[in-house]
Amino acid sequence: MGDMLIRDIPEPLKREIEQAAHKGGQSLSGKAIDLLRKGMVAEKEARPETRLSAWDAIRSAFAAENAIDDEFSEIMDEIEAARKGDFGRPVEDFE
């Protein structure tokens, strides 16, 4: 396990963590680790990952090349038709 030194913690915050640790029967380090872990979870939940759909990813690639026009629509229609044609086929057909 690694160590971490945190500098310039305001004294009131340090006392608050110490009191919480004492109430919970934890060491100061244990309580600090617990609070850091909870903070990381809360931060991840606060900003959900934005995942692009395949359609949006392809569209943004075309947009980056200034290629959004009728050709893009035709290509996407071909991709969709191929996808629908593959639906329900046994997996061994793709090997």
PDB file of N, CA and C in Angstrom:
ATOM      1  N   MET A   1       0.837  -1.188   0.000  1.00  0.00           N
ATOM      2  CA  MET A   1       0.000   0.000   0.000  1.00  0.00           C
ATOM      3  C   MET A   1       0.873   1.239   0.000  1.00  0.00           C
ATOM      4  N   GLY A   2       0.360   2.269  -0.641  1.00  0.00           N
ATOM      5  CA  GLY A   2       1.109   3.506  -0.730  1.00  0.00           C
ATOM      6  C   GLY A   2       0.729   4.482   0.367  1.00  0.00           C
ATOM      7  N   ASP A   3       1.549   5.483   0.521  1.00  0.00           N
ATOM      8  CA  ASP A   3       1.295   6.557   1.476  1.00  0.00           C
ATOM      9  C   ASP A   3       1.000   7.829   0.710  1.00  0.00           C
ATOM     10  N   MET A   4       0.259   8.725   1.356  1.00  0.00           N
ATOM     11  CA  MET A   4      -0.044  10.010   0.741  1.00  0.00           C
ATOM     12  C   MET A   4       0.043  11.082   1.826  1.00  0.00           C
ATOM     13  N   LEU A   5       0.724  12.149   1.511  1.00  0.00           N
ATOM     14  CA  LEU A   5       0.828  13.278   2.424  1.00  0.00           C
ATOM     15  C   LEU A   5      -0.072  14.379   1.883  1.00  0.00           C
ATOM     16  N   ILE A   6      -0.981  14.840   2.699  1.00  0.00           N
ATOM     17  CA  ILE A   6      -1.869  15.929   2.290  1.00  0.00           C
ATOM     18  C   ILE A   6      -1.493  17.156   3.110  1.00  0.00           C
ATOM     19  N   ARG A   7      -1.072  18.181   2.437  1.00  0.00           N
ATOM     20  CA  ARG A   7      -0.613  19.402   3.108  1.00  0.00           C
ATOM     21  C   ARG A   7      -1.737  20.429   3.199  1.00  0.00           C
ATOM     22  N   ASP A   8      -1.563  21.326   4.136  1.00  0.00           N
ATOM     23  CA  ASP A   8      -2.423  22.506   4.297  1.00  0.00           C
ATOM     24  C   ASP A   8      -3.898  22.163   4.521  1.00  0.00           C
ATOM     25  N   ILE A   9      -4.158  21.123   5.305  1.00  0.00           N
ATOM     26  CA  ILE A   9      -5.543  20.810   5.669  1.00  0.00           C
ATOM     27  C   ILE A   9      -5.961  21.829   6.719  1.00  0.00           C
ATOM     28  N   PRO A  10      -7.079  22.499   6.502  1.00  0.00           N
ATOM     29  CA  PRO A  10      -7.531  23.457   7.512  1.00  0.00           C
ATOM     30  C   PRO A  10      -7.753  22.741   8.858  1.00  0.00           C
ATOM     31  N   GLU A  11      -7.310  23.383   9.925  1.00  0.00           N
ATOM     32  CA  GLU A  11      -7.391  22.775  11.253  1.00  0.00           C
ATOM     33  C   GLU A  11      -8.817  22.358  11.621  1.00  0.00           C
ATOM     34  N   PRO A  12      -9.845  23.169  11.330  1.00  0.00           N
ATOM     35  CA  PRO A  12     -11.216  22.728  11.651  1.00  0.00           C
ATOM     36  C   PRO A  12     -11.618  21.444  10.919  1.00  0.00           C
ATOM     37  N   LEU A  13     -11.192  21.291   9.675  1.00  0.00           N
ATOM     38  CA  LEU A  13     -11.498  20.082   8.920  1.00  0.00           C
ATOM     39  C   LEU A  13     -10.784  18.880   9.542  1.00  0.00           C
ATOM     40  N   LYS A  14      -9.533  19.065   9.914  1.00  0.00           N
ATOM     41  CA  LYS A  14      -8.782  17.975  10.541  1.00  0.00           C
ATOM     42  C   LYS A  14      -9.455  17.548  11.843  1.00  0.00           C
ATOM     43  N   ARG A  15      -9.873  18.525  12.657  1.00  0.00           N
ATOM     44  CA  ARG A  15     -10.551  18.186  13.907  1.00  0.00           C
ATOM     45  C   ARG A  15     -11.857  17.445  13.643  1.00  0.00           C
ATOM     46  N   GLU A  16     -12.584  17.877  12.619  1.00  0.00           N
ATOM     47  CA  GLU A  16     -13.847  17.223  12.275  1.00  0.00           C
ATOM     48  C   GLU A  16     -13.626  15.766  11.875  1.00  0.00           C
ATOM     49  N   ILE A  17     -12.592  15.518  11.105  1.00  0.00           N
ATOM     50  CA  ILE A  17     -12.271  14.144  10.689  1.00  0.00           C
ATOM     51  C   ILE A  17     -11.827  13.327  11.902  1.00  0.00           C
ATOM     52  N   GLU A  18     -11.014  13.935  12.763  1.00  0.00           N
ATOM     53  CA  GLU A  18     -10.577  13.244  13.980  1.00  0.00           C
ATOM     54  C   GLU A  18     -11.763  12.851  14.852  1.00  0.00           C
ATOM     55  N   GLN A  19     -12.723  13.776  15.019  1.00  0.00           N
ATOM     56  CA  GLN A  19     -13.901  13.487  15.832  1.00  0.00           C
ATOM     57  C   GLN A  19     -14.734  12.368  15.214  1.00  0.00           C
ATOM     58  N   ALA A  20     -14.912  12.406  13.900  1.00  0.00           N
ATOM     59  CA  ALA A  20     -15.677  11.354  13.215  1.00  0.00           C
ATOM     60  C   ALA A  20     -14.971  10.006  13.354  1.00  0.00           C
ATOM     61  N   ALA A  21     -13.654  10.023  13.265  1.00  0.00           N
ATOM     62  CA  ALA A  21     -12.886   8.788  13.414  1.00  0.00           C
ATOM     63  C   ALA A  21     -13.061   8.238  14.829  1.00  0.00           C
ATOM     64  N   HIS A  22     -12.968   9.106  15.804  1.00  0.00           N
ATOM     65  CA  HIS A  22     -13.104   8.678  17.204  1.00  0.00           C
ATOM     66  C   HIS A  22     -14.494   8.096  17.466  1.00  0.00           C
ATOM     67  N   LYS A  23     -15.540   8.757  16.949  1.00  0.00           N
ATOM     68  CA  LYS A  23     -16.913   8.269  17.127  1.00  0.00           C
ATOM     69  C   LYS A  23     -17.107   6.905  16.477  1.00  0.00           C
ATOM     70  N   GLY A  24     -16.492   6.713  15.336  1.00  0.00           N
ATOM     71  CA  GLY A  24     -16.644   5.461  14.602  1.00  0.00           C
ATOM     72  C   GLY A  24     -15.650   4.389  14.991  1.00  0.00           C
ATOM     73  N   GLY A  25     -14.789   4.679  15.962  1.00  0.00           N
ATOM     74  CA  GLY A  25     -13.794   3.704  16.395  1.00  0.00           C
ATOM     75  C   GLY A  25     -12.731   3.433  15.341  1.00  0.00           C
ATOM     76  N   GLN A  26     -12.426   4.451  14.535  1.00  0.00           N
ATOM     77  CA  GLN A  26     -11.427   4.302  13.475  1.00  0.00           C
ATOM     78  C   GLN A  26     -10.211   5.156  13.778  1.00  0.00           C
ATOM     79  N   SER A  27      -9.136   4.848  13.111  1.00  0.00           N
ATOM     80  CA  SER A  27      -7.966   5.720  13.173  1.00  0.00           C
ATOM     81  C   SER A  27      -8.220   6.914  12.262  1.00  0.00           C
ATOM     82  N   LEU A  28      -7.432   7.948  12.446  1.00  0.00           N
ATOM     83  CA  LEU A  28      -7.548   9.127  11.578  1.00  0.00           C
ATOM     84  C   LEU A  28      -7.295   8.735  10.129  1.00  0.00           C
ATOM     85  N   SER A  29      -6.271   7.910   9.893  1.00  0.00           N
ATOM     86  CA  SER A  29      -5.961   7.469   8.528  1.00  0.00           C
ATOM     87  C   SER A  29      -7.095   6.639   7.954  1.00  0.00           C
ATOM     88  N   GLY A  30      -7.639   5.741   8.757  1.00  0.00           N
ATOM     89  CA  GLY A  30      -8.745   4.897   8.282  1.00  0.00           C
ATOM     90  C   GLY A  30      -9.951   5.721   7.890  1.00  0.00           C
ATOM     91  N   LYS A  31     -10.268   6.720   8.721  1.00  0.00           N
ATOM     92  CA  LYS A  31     -11.417   7.583   8.416  1.00  0.00           C
ATOM     93  C   LYS A  31     -11.144   8.417   7.169  1.00  0.00           C
ATOM     94  N   ALA A  32      -9.926   8.923   7.033  1.00  0.00           N
ATOM     95  CA  ALA A  32      -9.572   9.720   5.853  1.00  0.00           C
ATOM     96  C   ALA A  32      -9.685   8.882   4.586  1.00  0.00           C
ATOM     97  N   ILE A  33      -9.224   7.639   4.645  1.00  0.00           N
ATOM     98  CA  ILE A  33      -9.333   6.741   3.488  1.00  0.00           C
ATOM     99  C   ILE A  33     -10.796   6.500   3.150  1.00  0.00           C
ATOM    100  N   ASP A  34     -11.604   6.264   4.180  1.00  0.00           N
ATOM    101  CA  ASP A  34     -13.036   6.044   3.978  1.00  0.00           C
ATOM    102  C   ASP A  34     -13.695   7.256   3.307  1.00  0.00           C
ATOM    103  N   LEU A  35     -13.363   8.448   3.795  1.00  0.00           N
ATOM    104  CA  LEU A  35     -13.940   9.671   3.215  1.00  0.00           C
ATOM    105  C   LEU A  35     -13.463   9.902   1.787  1.00  0.00           C
ATOM    106  N   LEU A  36     -12.198   9.624   1.511  1.00  0.00           N
ATOM    107  CA  LEU A  36     -11.686   9.768   0.146  1.00  0.00           C
ATOM    108  C   LEU A  36     -12.397   8.812  -0.802  1.00  0.00           C
ATOM    109  N   ARG A  37     -12.584   7.564  -0.348  1.00  0.00           N
ATOM    110  CA  ARG A  37     -13.269   6.566  -1.179  1.00  0.00           C
ATOM    111  C   ARG A  37     -14.703   7.012  -1.478  1.00  0.00           C
ATOM    112  N   LYS A  38     -15.405   7.466  -0.450  1.00  0.00           N
ATOM    113  CA  LYS A  38     -16.786   7.938  -0.648  1.00  0.00           C
ATOM    114  C   LYS A  38     -16.824   9.147  -1.578  1.00  0.00           C
ATOM    115  N   GLY A  39     -15.843  10.016  -1.439  1.00  0.00           N
ATOM    116  CA  GLY A  39     -15.776  11.181  -2.320  1.00  0.00           C
ATOM    117  C   GLY A  39     -15.545  10.796  -3.769  1.00  0.00           C
ATOM    118  N   MET A  40     -14.704   9.797  -4.002  1.00  0.00           N
ATOM    119  CA  MET A  40     -14.450   9.330  -5.370  1.00  0.00           C
ATOM    120  C   MET A  40     -15.706   8.722  -5.977  1.00  0.00           C
ATOM    121  N   VAL A  41     -16.430   7.935  -5.198  1.00  0.00           N
ATOM    122  CA  VAL A  41     -17.674   7.326  -5.690  1.00  0.00           C
ATOM    123  C   VAL A  41     -18.681   8.418  -6.027  1.00  0.00           C
ATOM    124  N   ALA A  42     -18.826   9.392  -5.128  1.00  0.00           N
ATOM    125  CA  ALA A  42     -19.789  10.481  -5.355  1.00  0.00           C
ATOM    126  C   ALA A  42     -19.421  11.285  -6.595  1.00  0.00           C
ATOM    127  N   GLU A  43     -18.132  11.511  -6.803  1.00  0.00           N
ATOM    128  CA  GLU A  43     -17.694  12.269  -7.984  1.00  0.00           C
ATOM    129  C   GLU A  43     -18.002  11.524  -9.270  1.00  0.00           C
ATOM    130  N   LYS A  44     -17.769  10.209  -9.265  1.00  0.00           N
ATOM    131  CA  LYS A  44     -18.065   9.410 -10.455  1.00  0.00           C
ATOM    132  C   LYS A  44     -19.554   9.401 -10.757  1.00  0.00           C
ATOM    133  N   GLU A  45     -20.374   9.312  -9.722  1.00  0.00           N
ATOM    134  CA  GLU A  45     -21.823   9.294  -9.916  1.00  0.00           C
ATOM    135  C   GLU A  45     -22.346  10.655 -10.365  1.00  0.00           C
ATOM    136  N   ALA A  46     -21.668  11.724  -9.960  1.00  0.00           N
ATOM    137  CA  ALA A  46     -22.110  13.075 -10.303  1.00  0.00           C
ATOM    138  C   ALA A  46     -21.900  13.402 -11.769  1.00  0.00           C
ATOM    139  N   ARG A  47     -20.886  12.803 -12.380  1.00  0.00           N
ATOM    140  CA  ARG A  47     -20.641  13.060 -13.802  1.00  0.00           C
ATOM    141  C   ARG A  47     -20.624  11.737 -14.551  1.00  0.00           C
ATOM    142  N   PRO A  48     -21.792  11.327 -14.976  1.00  0.00           N
ATOM    143  CA  PRO A  48     -21.865  10.058 -15.707  1.00  0.00           C
ATOM    144  C   PRO A  48     -21.085  10.137 -17.012  1.00  0.00           C
ATOM    145  N   GLU A  49     -20.503   9.019 -17.380  1.00  0.00           N
ATOM    146  CA  GLU A  49     -19.768   8.962 -18.639  1.00  0.00           C
ATOM    147  C   GLU A  49     -20.733   9.163 -19.794  1.00  0.00           C
ATOM    148  N   THR A  50     -20.321   9.979 -20.711  1.00  0.00           N
ATOM    149  CA  THR A  50     -21.136  10.157 -21.902  1.00  0.00           C
ATOM    150  C   THR A  50     -20.588   9.234 -22.972  1.00  0.00           C
ATOM    151  N   ARG A  51     -21.380   8.277 -23.312  1.00  0.00           N
ATOM    152  CA  ARG A  51     -20.979   7.334 -24.352  1.00  0.00           C
ATOM    153  C   ARG A  51     -21.771   7.633 -25.604  1.00  0.00           C
ATOM    154  N   LEU A  52     -21.070   7.716 -26.697  1.00  0.00           N
ATOM    155  CA  LEU A  52     -21.729   7.945 -27.973  1.00  0.00           C
ATOM    156  C   LEU A  52     -22.276   6.634 -28.512  1.00  0.00           C
ATOM    157  N   SER A  53     -23.420   6.741 -29.144  1.00  0.00           N
ATOM    158  CA  SER A  53     -23.914   5.566 -29.860  1.00  0.00           C
ATOM    159  C   SER A  53     -23.014   5.377 -31.080  1.00  0.00           C
ATOM    160  N   ALA A  54     -23.083   4.204 -31.685  1.00  0.00           N
ATOM    161  CA  ALA A  54     -22.283   3.952 -32.885  1.00  0.00           C
ATOM    162  C   ALA A  54     -22.634   4.973 -33.962  1.00  0.00           C
ATOM    163  N   TRP A  55     -23.921   5.261 -34.084  1.00  0.00           N
ATOM    164  CA  TRP A  55     -24.391   6.240 -35.072  1.00  0.00           C
ATOM    165  C   TRP A  55     -23.724   7.593 -34.832  1.00  0.00           C
ATOM    166  N   ASP A  56     -23.748   8.074 -33.567  1.00  0.00           N
ATOM    167  CA  ASP A  56     -23.169   9.375 -33.249  1.00  0.00           C
ATOM    168  C   ASP A  56     -21.654   9.386 -33.436  1.00  0.00           C
ATOM    169  N   ALA A  57     -20.997   8.273 -33.105  1.00  0.00           N
ATOM    170  CA  ALA A  57     -19.547   8.198 -33.277  1.00  0.00           C
ATOM    171  C   ALA A  57     -19.171   8.290 -34.753  1.00  0.00           C
ATOM    172  N   ILE A  58     -19.893   7.562 -35.590  1.00  0.00           N
ATOM    173  CA  ILE A  58     -19.622   7.607 -37.029  1.00  0.00           C
ATOM    174  C   ILE A  58     -19.947   8.995 -37.575  1.00  0.00           C
ATOM    175  N   ARG A  59     -21.074   9.552 -37.115  1.00  0.00           N
ATOM    176  CA  ARG A  59     -21.481  10.878 -37.587  1.00  0.00           C
ATOM    177  C   ARG A  59     -20.433  11.924 -37.213  1.00  0.00           C
ATOM    178  N   SER A  60     -19.893  11.852 -35.985  1.00  0.00           N
ATOM    179  CA  SER A  60     -18.896  12.840 -35.581  1.00  0.00           C
ATOM    180  C   SER A  60     -17.603  12.692 -36.384  1.00  0.00           C
ATOM    181  N   ALA A  61     -17.267  11.451 -36.762  1.00  0.00           N
ATOM    182  CA  ALA A  61     -16.088  11.250 -37.608  1.00  0.00           C
ATOM    183  C   ALA A  61     -16.292  11.896 -38.976  1.00  0.00           C
ATOM    184  N   PHE A  62     -17.493  11.737 -39.520  1.00  0.00           N
ATOM    185  CA  PHE A  62     -17.797  12.370 -40.804  1.00  0.00           C
ATOM    186  C   PHE A  62     -17.826  13.893 -40.661  1.00  0.00           C
ATOM    187  N   ALA A  63     -18.379  14.374 -39.562  1.00  0.00           N
ATOM    188  CA  ALA A  63     -18.466  15.819 -39.344  1.00  0.00           C
ATOM    189  C   ALA A  63     -17.072  16.428 -39.242  1.00  0.00           C
ATOM    190  N   ALA A  64     -16.151  15.716 -38.606  1.00  0.00           N
ATOM    191  CA  ALA A  64     -14.779  16.208 -38.478  1.00  0.00           C
ATOM    192  C   ALA A  64     -14.114  16.383 -39.836  1.00  0.00           C
ATOM    193  N   GLU A  65     -14.550  15.625 -40.816  1.00  0.00           N
ATOM    194  CA  GLU A  65     -14.001  15.709 -42.164  1.00  0.00           C
ATOM    195  C   GLU A  65     -14.889  16.547 -43.090  1.00  0.00           C
ATOM    196  N   ASN A  66     -15.864  17.236 -42.504  1.00  0.00           N
ATOM    197  CA  ASN A  66     -16.829  18.028 -43.284  1.00  0.00           C
ATOM    198  C   ASN A  66     -17.486  17.182 -44.372  1.00  0.00           C
ATOM    199  N   ALA A  67     -17.867  15.963 -44.013  1.00  0.00           N
ATOM    200  CA  ALA A  67     -18.435  15.029 -44.987  1.00  0.00           C
ATOM    201  C   ALA A  67     -19.883  14.680 -44.658  1.00  0.00           C
ATOM    202  N   ILE A  68     -20.569  15.569 -43.979  1.00  0.00           N
ATOM    203  CA  ILE A  68     -21.974  15.321 -43.657  1.00  0.00           C
ATOM    204  C   ILE A  68     -22.821  15.846 -44.820  1.00  0.00           C
ATOM    205  N   ASP A  69     -23.330  14.925 -45.590  1.00  0.00           N
ATOM    206  CA  ASP A  69     -24.205  15.282 -46.707  1.00  0.00           C
ATOM    207  C   ASP A  69     -25.004  14.045 -47.081  1.00  0.00           C
ATOM    208  N   ASP A  70     -25.485  13.982 -48.298  1.00  0.00           N
ATOM    209  CA  ASP A  70     -26.275  12.833 -48.735  1.00  0.00           C
ATOM    210  C   ASP A  70     -25.450  11.546 -48.715  1.00  0.00           C
ATOM    211  N   GLU A  71     -24.157  11.667 -48.955  1.00  0.00           N
ATOM    212  CA  GLU A  71     -23.304  10.480 -48.948  1.00  0.00           C
ATOM    213  C   GLU A  71     -23.302   9.826 -47.565  1.00  0.00           C
ATOM    214  N   PHE A  72     -23.256  10.643 -46.524  1.00  0.00           N
ATOM    215  CA  PHE A  72     -23.291  10.117 -45.162  1.00  0.00           C
ATOM    216  C   PHE A  72     -24.583   9.340 -44.933  1.00  0.00           C
ATOM    217  N   SER A  73     -25.691   9.904 -45.331  1.00  0.00           N
ATOM    218  CA  SER A  73     -26.980   9.230 -45.162  1.00  0.00           C
ATOM    219  C   SER A  73     -27.026   7.912 -45.907  1.00  0.00           C
ATOM    220  N   GLU A  74     -26.494   7.898 -47.114  1.00  0.00           N
ATOM    221  CA  GLU A  74     -26.466   6.655 -47.904  1.00  0.00           C
ATOM    222  C   GLU A  74     -25.621   5.587 -47.221  1.00  0.00           C
ATOM    223  N   ILE A  75     -24.456   5.985 -46.718  1.00  0.00           N
ATOM    224  CA  ILE A  75     -23.581   5.030 -46.040  1.00  0.00           C
ATOM    225  C   ILE A  75     -24.267   4.481 -44.796  1.00  0.00           C
ATOM    226  N   MET A  76     -24.891   5.353 -44.013  1.00  0.00           N
ATOM    227  CA  MET A  76     -25.571   4.906 -42.796  1.00  0.00           C
ATOM    228  C   MET A  76     -26.751   3.991 -43.141  1.00  0.00           C
ATOM    229  N   ASP A  77     -27.440   4.274 -44.229  1.00  0.00           N
ATOM    230  CA  ASP A  77     -28.533   3.392 -44.664  1.00  0.00           C
ATOM    231  C   ASP A  77     -27.993   2.011 -45.040  1.00  0.00           C
ATOM    232  N   GLU A  78     -26.832   1.974 -45.708  1.00  0.00           N
ATOM    233  CA  GLU A  78     -26.209   0.697 -46.071  1.00  0.00           C
ATOM    234  C   GLU A  78     -25.787  -0.082 -44.822  1.00  0.00           C
ATOM    235  N   ILE A  79     -25.222   0.623 -43.854  1.00  0.00           N
ATOM    236  CA  ILE A  79     -24.815  -0.027 -42.601  1.00  0.00           C
ATOM    237  C   ILE A  79     -26.037  -0.597 -41.891  1.00  0.00           C
ATOM    238  N   GLU A  80     -27.096   0.167 -41.824  1.00  0.00           N
ATOM    239  CA  GLU A  80     -28.328  -0.290 -41.158  1.00  0.00           C
ATOM    240  C   GLU A  80     -28.917  -1.497 -41.881  1.00  0.00           C
ATOM    241  N   ALA A  81     -28.918  -1.477 -43.199  1.00  0.00           N
ATOM    242  CA  ALA A  81     -29.451  -2.610 -43.973  1.00  0.00           C
ATOM    243  C   ALA A  81     -28.608  -3.863 -43.725  1.00  0.00           C
ATOM    244  N   ALA A  82     -27.288  -3.701 -43.686  1.00  0.00           N
ATOM    245  CA  ALA A  82     -26.413  -4.843 -43.427  1.00  0.00           C
ATOM    246  C   ALA A  82     -26.627  -5.379 -42.020  1.00  0.00           C
ATOM    247  N   ARG A  83     -26.805  -4.472 -41.068  1.00  0.00           N
ATOM    248  CA  ARG A  83     -27.052  -4.892 -39.688  1.00  0.00           C
ATOM    249  C   ARG A  83     -28.339  -5.693 -39.591  1.00  0.00           C
ATOM    250  N   LYS A  84     -29.375  -5.212 -40.244  1.00  0.00           N
ATOM    251  CA  LYS A  84     -30.656  -5.919 -40.223  1.00  0.00           C
ATOM    252  C   LYS A  84     -30.552  -7.264 -40.925  1.00  0.00           C
ATOM    253  N   GLY A  85     -29.740  -7.350 -41.961  1.00  0.00           N
ATOM    254  CA  GLY A  85     -29.560  -8.608 -42.678  1.00  0.00           C
ATOM    255  C   GLY A  85     -28.821  -9.651 -41.845  1.00  0.00           C
ATOM    256  N   ASP A  86     -27.960  -9.195 -40.926  1.00  0.00           N
ATOM    257  CA  ASP A  86     -27.202 -10.110 -40.076  1.00  0.00           C
ATOM    258  C   ASP A  86     -28.003 -10.571 -38.870  1.00  0.00           C
ATOM    259  N   PHE A  87     -29.075  -9.907 -38.567  1.00  0.00           N
ATOM    260  CA  PHE A  87     -29.857 -10.219 -37.374  1.00  0.00           C
ATOM    261  C   PHE A  87     -30.413 -11.638 -37.430  1.00  0.00           C
ATOM    262  N   GLY A  88     -30.144 -12.394 -36.381  1.00  0.00           N
ATOM    263  CA  GLY A  88     -30.691 -13.730 -36.294  1.00  0.00           C
ATOM    264  C   GLY A  88     -29.849 -14.814 -36.922  1.00  0.00           C
ATOM    265  N   ARG A  89     -28.765 -14.428 -37.588  1.00  0.00           N
ATOM    266  CA  ARG A  89     -27.893 -15.450 -38.183  1.00  0.00           C
ATOM    267  C   ARG A  89     -27.096 -16.149 -37.089  1.00  0.00           C
ATOM    268  N   PRO A  90     -26.843 -17.456 -37.259  1.00  0.00           N
ATOM    269  CA  PRO A  90     -26.040 -18.176 -36.256  1.00  0.00           C
ATOM    270  C   PRO A  90     -24.643 -17.594 -36.171  1.00  0.00           C
ATOM    271  N   VAL A  91     -24.053 -17.665 -34.987  1.00  0.00           N
ATOM    272  CA  VAL A  91     -22.728 -17.110 -34.739  1.00  0.00           C
ATOM    273  C   VAL A  91     -21.688 -17.736 -35.659  1.00  0.00           C
ATOM    274  N   GLU A  92     -21.787 -19.024 -35.955  1.00  0.00           N
ATOM    275  CA  GLU A  92     -20.776 -19.674 -36.790  1.00  0.00           C
ATOM    276  C   GLU A  92     -20.722 -19.084 -38.202  1.00  0.00           C
ATOM    277  N   ASP A  93     -21.776 -18.396 -38.636  1.00  0.00           N
ATOM    278  CA  ASP A  93     -21.746 -17.762 -39.946  1.00  0.00           C
ATOM    279  C   ASP A  93     -20.764 -16.600 -39.984  1.00  0.00           C
ATOM    280  N   PHE A  94     -20.372 -16.093 -38.815  1.00  0.00           N
ATOM    281  CA  PHE A  94     -19.486 -14.942 -38.760  1.00  0.00           C
ATOM    282  C   PHE A  94     -18.033 -15.342 -38.551  1.00  0.00           C
ATOM    283  N   GLU A  95     -17.767 -16.603 -38.394  1.00  0.00           N
ATOM    284  CA  GLU A  95     -16.394 -17.043 -38.139  1.00  0.00           C
ATOM    285  C   GLU A  95     -15.652 -17.331 -39.411  1.00  0.00           C
TER     286      GLU A  95
END
